[in-house]
């Protein structure tokens, strides 16, 4: 066979080469993706975000936190020793869009929920160096003063309900947010930190304290399926 067959048949025929390349990549993509749609996602033990946590998540996205923090622990010892049990697909059932991230300028946050007290998160957002010496993270002091727009979060909850998130039709978003916020501000008060329950920092703390908590309970035993 002519040693230049590949060049003559494909490389000199850009249209055919492009079409065949696209076909091969498409087949590979279907083979990898199709199984994910053929198996129902088990959400047992995975809790939907509360309205206050939805507000915190919206703030997390708005501030671009995913640019420096990932939320995906890979099943490798170096990852699990540092960050905790590796991430499972069902843990992202109520994440729209996913916050997997693409790099780690800061640590992975998949299992940050419950790792630190609320006061730590407050001080970390106020001045990252006060809790993490040498951190290059910027200060987010406006979160301590800016208020959460309940109407905006109502719209977010409505949108998520439309996508299938199990929010009750009669859910009082404002009351739910206020009740959870009072718990956080109460714990902050115990640490001598005074903040109003409608501030964005409170919502962000609620979101961060939710991250990975369900997974910790479900996959606490090494080798859990």
Protein backbone atom coordinates (compact mmCIF):
# COMPACT_ATOMS: atom_id res chain seq x y z
CA UNK A 1 0.00 0.00 0.00
CA UNK A 2 1.19 3.48 -0.79
CA UNK A 3 2.85 4.87 2.33
CA UNK A 4 1.28 8.25 1.56
CA UNK A 5 -2.31 6.95 1.46
CA UNK A 6 -3.31 8.83 4.59
CA UNK A 7 -2.00 12.09 3.21
CA UNK A 8 -3.53 11.56 -0.21
CA UNK A 9 -6.89 10.29 1.05
CA UNK A 10 -7.48 12.55 4.04
CA UNK A 11 -4.94 15.28 4.68
CA UNK A 12 -5.29 16.77 1.23
CA UNK A 13 -9.08 16.61 1.41
CA UNK A 14 -9.96 18.91 4.27
CA UNK A 15 -13.71 18.49 3.90
CA UNK A 16 -13.62 14.70 4.19
CA UNK A 17 -11.06 14.87 6.97
CA UNK A 18 -13.20 17.31 8.97
CA UNK A 19 -16.33 15.19 8.47
CA UNK A 20 -14.63 11.96 9.58
CA UNK A 21 -13.02 13.67 12.57
CA UNK A 22 -16.40 15.05 13.64
CA UNK A 23 -17.99 11.61 13.28
CA UNK A 24 -15.33 9.89 15.40
CA UNK A 25 -15.51 12.54 18.13
CA UNK A 26 -19.33 12.36 18.12
CA UNK A 27 -19.30 8.58 18.51
CA UNK A 28 -16.87 8.85 21.42
CA UNK A 29 -19.02 11.53 23.05
CA UNK A 30 -22.20 9.50 22.73
CA UNK A 31 -20.52 6.43 24.19
CA UNK A 32 -19.45 8.43 27.25
CA UNK A 33 -22.57 10.53 27.74
CA UNK A 34 -25.41 8.16 26.87
CA UNK A 35 -25.01 5.94 29.98
CA UNK A 36 -25.55 8.96 32.23
CA UNK A 37 -29.01 9.50 30.75
CA UNK A 38 -29.95 5.83 30.89
CA UNK A 39 -29.68 5.48 34.67
CA UNK A 40 -32.11 7.45 36.92
CA UNK A 41 -30.31 9.79 39.31
CA UNK A 42 -30.85 8.72 42.92
CA UNK A 43 -31.48 11.79 45.07
CA UNK A 44 -32.12 9.82 48.27
CA UNK A 45 -30.44 11.68 51.11
CA UNK A 46 -29.65 14.73 48.97
CA UNK A 47 -31.47 17.82 50.21
CA UNK A 48 -32.59 20.70 48.02
CA UNK A 49 -31.15 24.13 48.80
CA UNK A 50 -33.25 26.25 51.13
CA UNK A 51 -34.25 29.71 49.82
CA UNK A 52 -31.49 31.32 51.91
CA UNK A 53 -28.97 28.85 50.52
CA UNK A 54 -30.24 29.60 47.01
CA UNK A 55 -29.54 33.27 47.73
CA UNK A 56 -26.05 32.39 48.90
CA UNK A 57 -25.43 30.28 45.84
CA UNK A 58 -26.54 33.14 43.58
CA UNK A 59 -24.03 35.38 45.36
CA UNK A 60 -21.31 32.72 44.99
CA UNK A 61 -21.95 32.65 41.23
CA UNK A 62 -22.21 36.42 40.94
CA UNK A 63 -18.87 36.97 42.65
CA UNK A 64 -17.16 34.39 40.44
CA UNK A 65 -16.02 32.18 43.31
CA UNK A 66 -15.89 29.22 40.91
CA UNK A 67 -12.92 30.86 39.18
CA UNK A 68 -10.69 30.05 42.14
CA UNK A 69 -12.51 27.25 43.96
CA UNK A 70 -13.60 23.89 42.58
CA UNK A 71 -16.39 21.72 43.94
CA UNK A 72 -15.23 18.35 42.71
CA UNK A 73 -13.06 15.93 44.68
CA UNK A 74 -11.56 13.26 42.46
CA UNK A 75 -11.18 9.64 43.67
CA UNK A 76 -7.45 9.86 44.31
CA UNK A 77 -5.72 9.59 47.66
CA UNK A 78 -4.06 13.00 47.39
CA UNK A 79 -7.53 14.52 46.96
CA UNK A 80 -9.47 12.53 49.54
CA UNK A 81 -6.87 12.95 52.27
CA UNK A 82 -6.93 16.73 51.88
CA UNK A 83 -10.56 17.41 51.02
CA UNK A 84 -12.61 14.39 52.09
CA UNK A 85 -14.68 11.71 50.39
CA UNK A 86 -14.71 11.96 46.60
CA UNK A 87 -17.68 13.52 44.82
CA UNK A 88 -20.60 11.49 43.47
CA UNK A 89 -22.88 12.50 40.59
CA UNK A 90 -26.05 12.49 42.69
CA UNK A 91 -24.61 15.17 44.98
CA UNK A 92 -25.02 17.65 42.12
CA UNK A 93 -28.68 16.82 41.52
CA UNK A 94 -29.86 20.25 42.65
CA UNK A 95 -26.97 22.28 41.22
CA UNK A 96 -28.04 24.32 38.22
CA UNK A 97 -25.58 25.21 36.90
CA UNK A 98 -22.88 22.98 38.38
CA UNK A 99 -20.07 24.72 40.25
CA UNK A 100 -17.38 22.17 39.45
CA UNK A 101 -14.81 24.86 38.72
CA UNK A 102 -11.81 24.51 36.44
CA UNK A 103 -8.86 25.26 38.73
CA UNK A 104 -7.86 25.62 42.36
CA UNK A 105 -6.25 28.88 43.23
CA UNK A 106 -8.02 28.32 46.54
CA UNK A 107 -8.99 24.97 48.13
CA UNK A 108 -11.81 22.76 46.90
CA UNK A 109 -15.09 23.56 48.66
CA UNK A 110 -17.02 20.35 48.01
CA UNK A 111 -16.89 19.32 51.69
CA UNK A 112 -16.53 22.73 53.35
CA UNK A 113 -19.97 22.54 55.00
CA UNK A 114 -19.57 22.21 58.76
CA UNK A 115 -15.79 22.34 58.56
CA UNK A 116 -15.63 25.83 60.06
CA UNK A 117 -18.02 27.78 62.32
CA UNK A 118 -20.14 30.56 60.89
CA UNK A 119 -17.89 33.18 62.47
CA UNK A 120 -14.89 31.82 60.55
CA UNK A 121 -16.68 32.32 57.25
CA UNK A 122 -17.74 35.83 58.25
CA UNK A 123 -14.18 36.84 59.12
CA UNK A 124 -12.80 35.07 56.06
CA UNK A 125 -15.00 37.11 53.73
CA UNK A 126 -14.29 40.30 55.67
CA UNK A 127 -10.52 39.78 55.62
CA UNK A 128 -9.18 36.45 54.28
CA UNK A 129 -5.78 37.05 55.87
CA UNK A 130 -7.35 37.07 59.33
CA UNK A 131 -8.24 33.40 59.03
CA UNK A 132 -5.82 32.20 56.33
CA UNK A 133 -2.45 33.98 56.60
CA UNK A 134 -0.85 34.47 53.21
CA UNK A 135 -4.14 34.13 51.31
CA UNK A 136 -4.36 36.04 48.02
CA UNK A 137 -8.15 36.07 48.13
CA UNK A 138 -9.63 39.61 47.96
CA UNK A 139 -11.84 41.04 50.66
CA UNK A 140 -15.62 40.91 50.14
CA UNK A 141 -16.59 43.58 52.64
CA UNK A 142 -19.68 44.69 50.70
CA UNK A 143 -21.34 41.40 51.54
CA UNK A 144 -21.45 42.53 55.17
CA UNK A 145 -23.61 45.54 54.24
CA UNK A 146 -25.57 44.68 51.09
CA UNK A 147 -29.07 43.26 51.52
CA UNK A 148 -30.56 40.20 49.87
CA UNK A 149 -33.48 40.94 47.54
CA UNK A 150 -36.23 38.51 48.58
CA UNK A 151 -38.17 39.08 45.34
CA UNK A 152 -35.09 38.07 43.36
CA UNK A 153 -34.72 34.87 45.36
CA UNK A 154 -38.43 34.14 44.94
CA UNK A 155 -37.82 34.26 41.19
CA UNK A 156 -34.85 31.91 41.54
CA UNK A 157 -36.87 29.43 43.59
CA UNK A 158 -39.72 29.58 41.06
CA UNK A 159 -37.30 28.85 38.24
CA UNK A 160 -35.76 25.92 40.11
CA UNK A 161 -39.22 24.54 40.91
CA UNK A 162 -39.99 24.64 37.19
CA UNK A 163 -36.85 22.57 36.58
CA UNK A 164 -38.09 19.94 39.01
CA UNK A 165 -36.64 20.97 42.35
CA UNK A 166 -39.08 19.85 45.09
CA UNK A 167 -40.15 23.21 46.52
CA UNK A 168 -43.67 23.35 47.92
CA UNK A 169 -46.06 25.52 45.95
CA UNK A 170 -47.02 27.42 49.12
CA UNK A 171 -43.42 27.94 50.31
CA UNK A 172 -43.04 31.37 51.95
CA UNK A 173 -39.58 32.27 50.68
CA UNK A 174 -39.21 35.38 52.82
CA UNK A 175 -40.23 33.65 56.05
CA UNK A 176 -38.00 30.66 55.34
CA UNK A 177 -35.01 32.88 54.66
CA UNK A 178 -35.57 34.94 57.78
CA UNK A 179 -35.94 31.90 60.03
CA UNK A 180 -32.70 30.29 58.84
CA UNK A 181 -30.90 33.64 58.90
CA UNK A 182 -31.80 34.14 62.56
CA UNK A 183 -30.04 30.88 63.40
CA UNK A 184 -26.87 32.08 61.69
CA UNK A 185 -26.94 35.57 63.20
CA UNK A 186 -27.52 34.00 66.60
CA UNK A 187 -24.36 31.89 66.26
CA UNK A 188 -22.46 34.93 65.02
CA UNK A 189 -23.67 36.90 68.05
CA UNK A 190 -22.17 34.22 70.28
CA UNK A 191 -18.84 35.04 68.62
CA UNK A 192 -19.37 38.76 69.30
CA UNK A 193 -20.30 39.51 65.66
CA UNK A 194 -23.38 41.62 65.05
CA UNK A 195 -25.02 41.45 61.63
CA UNK A 196 -28.55 41.88 60.33
CA UNK A 197 -30.25 38.70 59.08
CA UNK A 198 -31.01 40.17 55.64
CA UNK A 199 -27.35 40.75 54.70
CA UNK A 200 -25.70 38.88 51.84
CA UNK A 201 -22.94 37.52 54.06
CA UNK A 202 -25.56 35.55 56.01
CA UNK A 203 -26.91 33.97 52.82
CA UNK A 204 -23.42 33.08 51.62
CA UNK A 205 -22.60 31.46 54.95
CA UNK A 206 -25.80 29.40 54.69
CA UNK A 207 -24.77 28.17 51.24
CA UNK A 208 -21.20 27.32 52.23
CA UNK A 209 -22.39 25.43 55.30
CA UNK A 210 -24.61 23.29 53.06
CA UNK A 211 -21.82 22.17 50.73
CA UNK A 212 -21.01 18.49 51.01
CA UNK A 213 -22.98 17.87 54.20
CA UNK A 214 -25.30 15.33 52.59
CA UNK A 215 -22.40 13.55 50.95
CA UNK A 216 -20.53 13.31 54.25
CA UNK A 217 -23.50 11.49 55.74
CA UNK A 218 -24.04 9.20 52.76
CA UNK A 219 -20.43 8.31 52.08
CA UNK A 220 -18.85 8.43 55.52
CA UNK A 221 -17.64 4.85 55.19
CA UNK A 222 -14.66 4.36 52.90
CA UNK A 223 -15.57 2.46 49.78
CA UNK A 224 -19.27 3.42 49.94
CA UNK A 225 -21.04 2.95 46.66
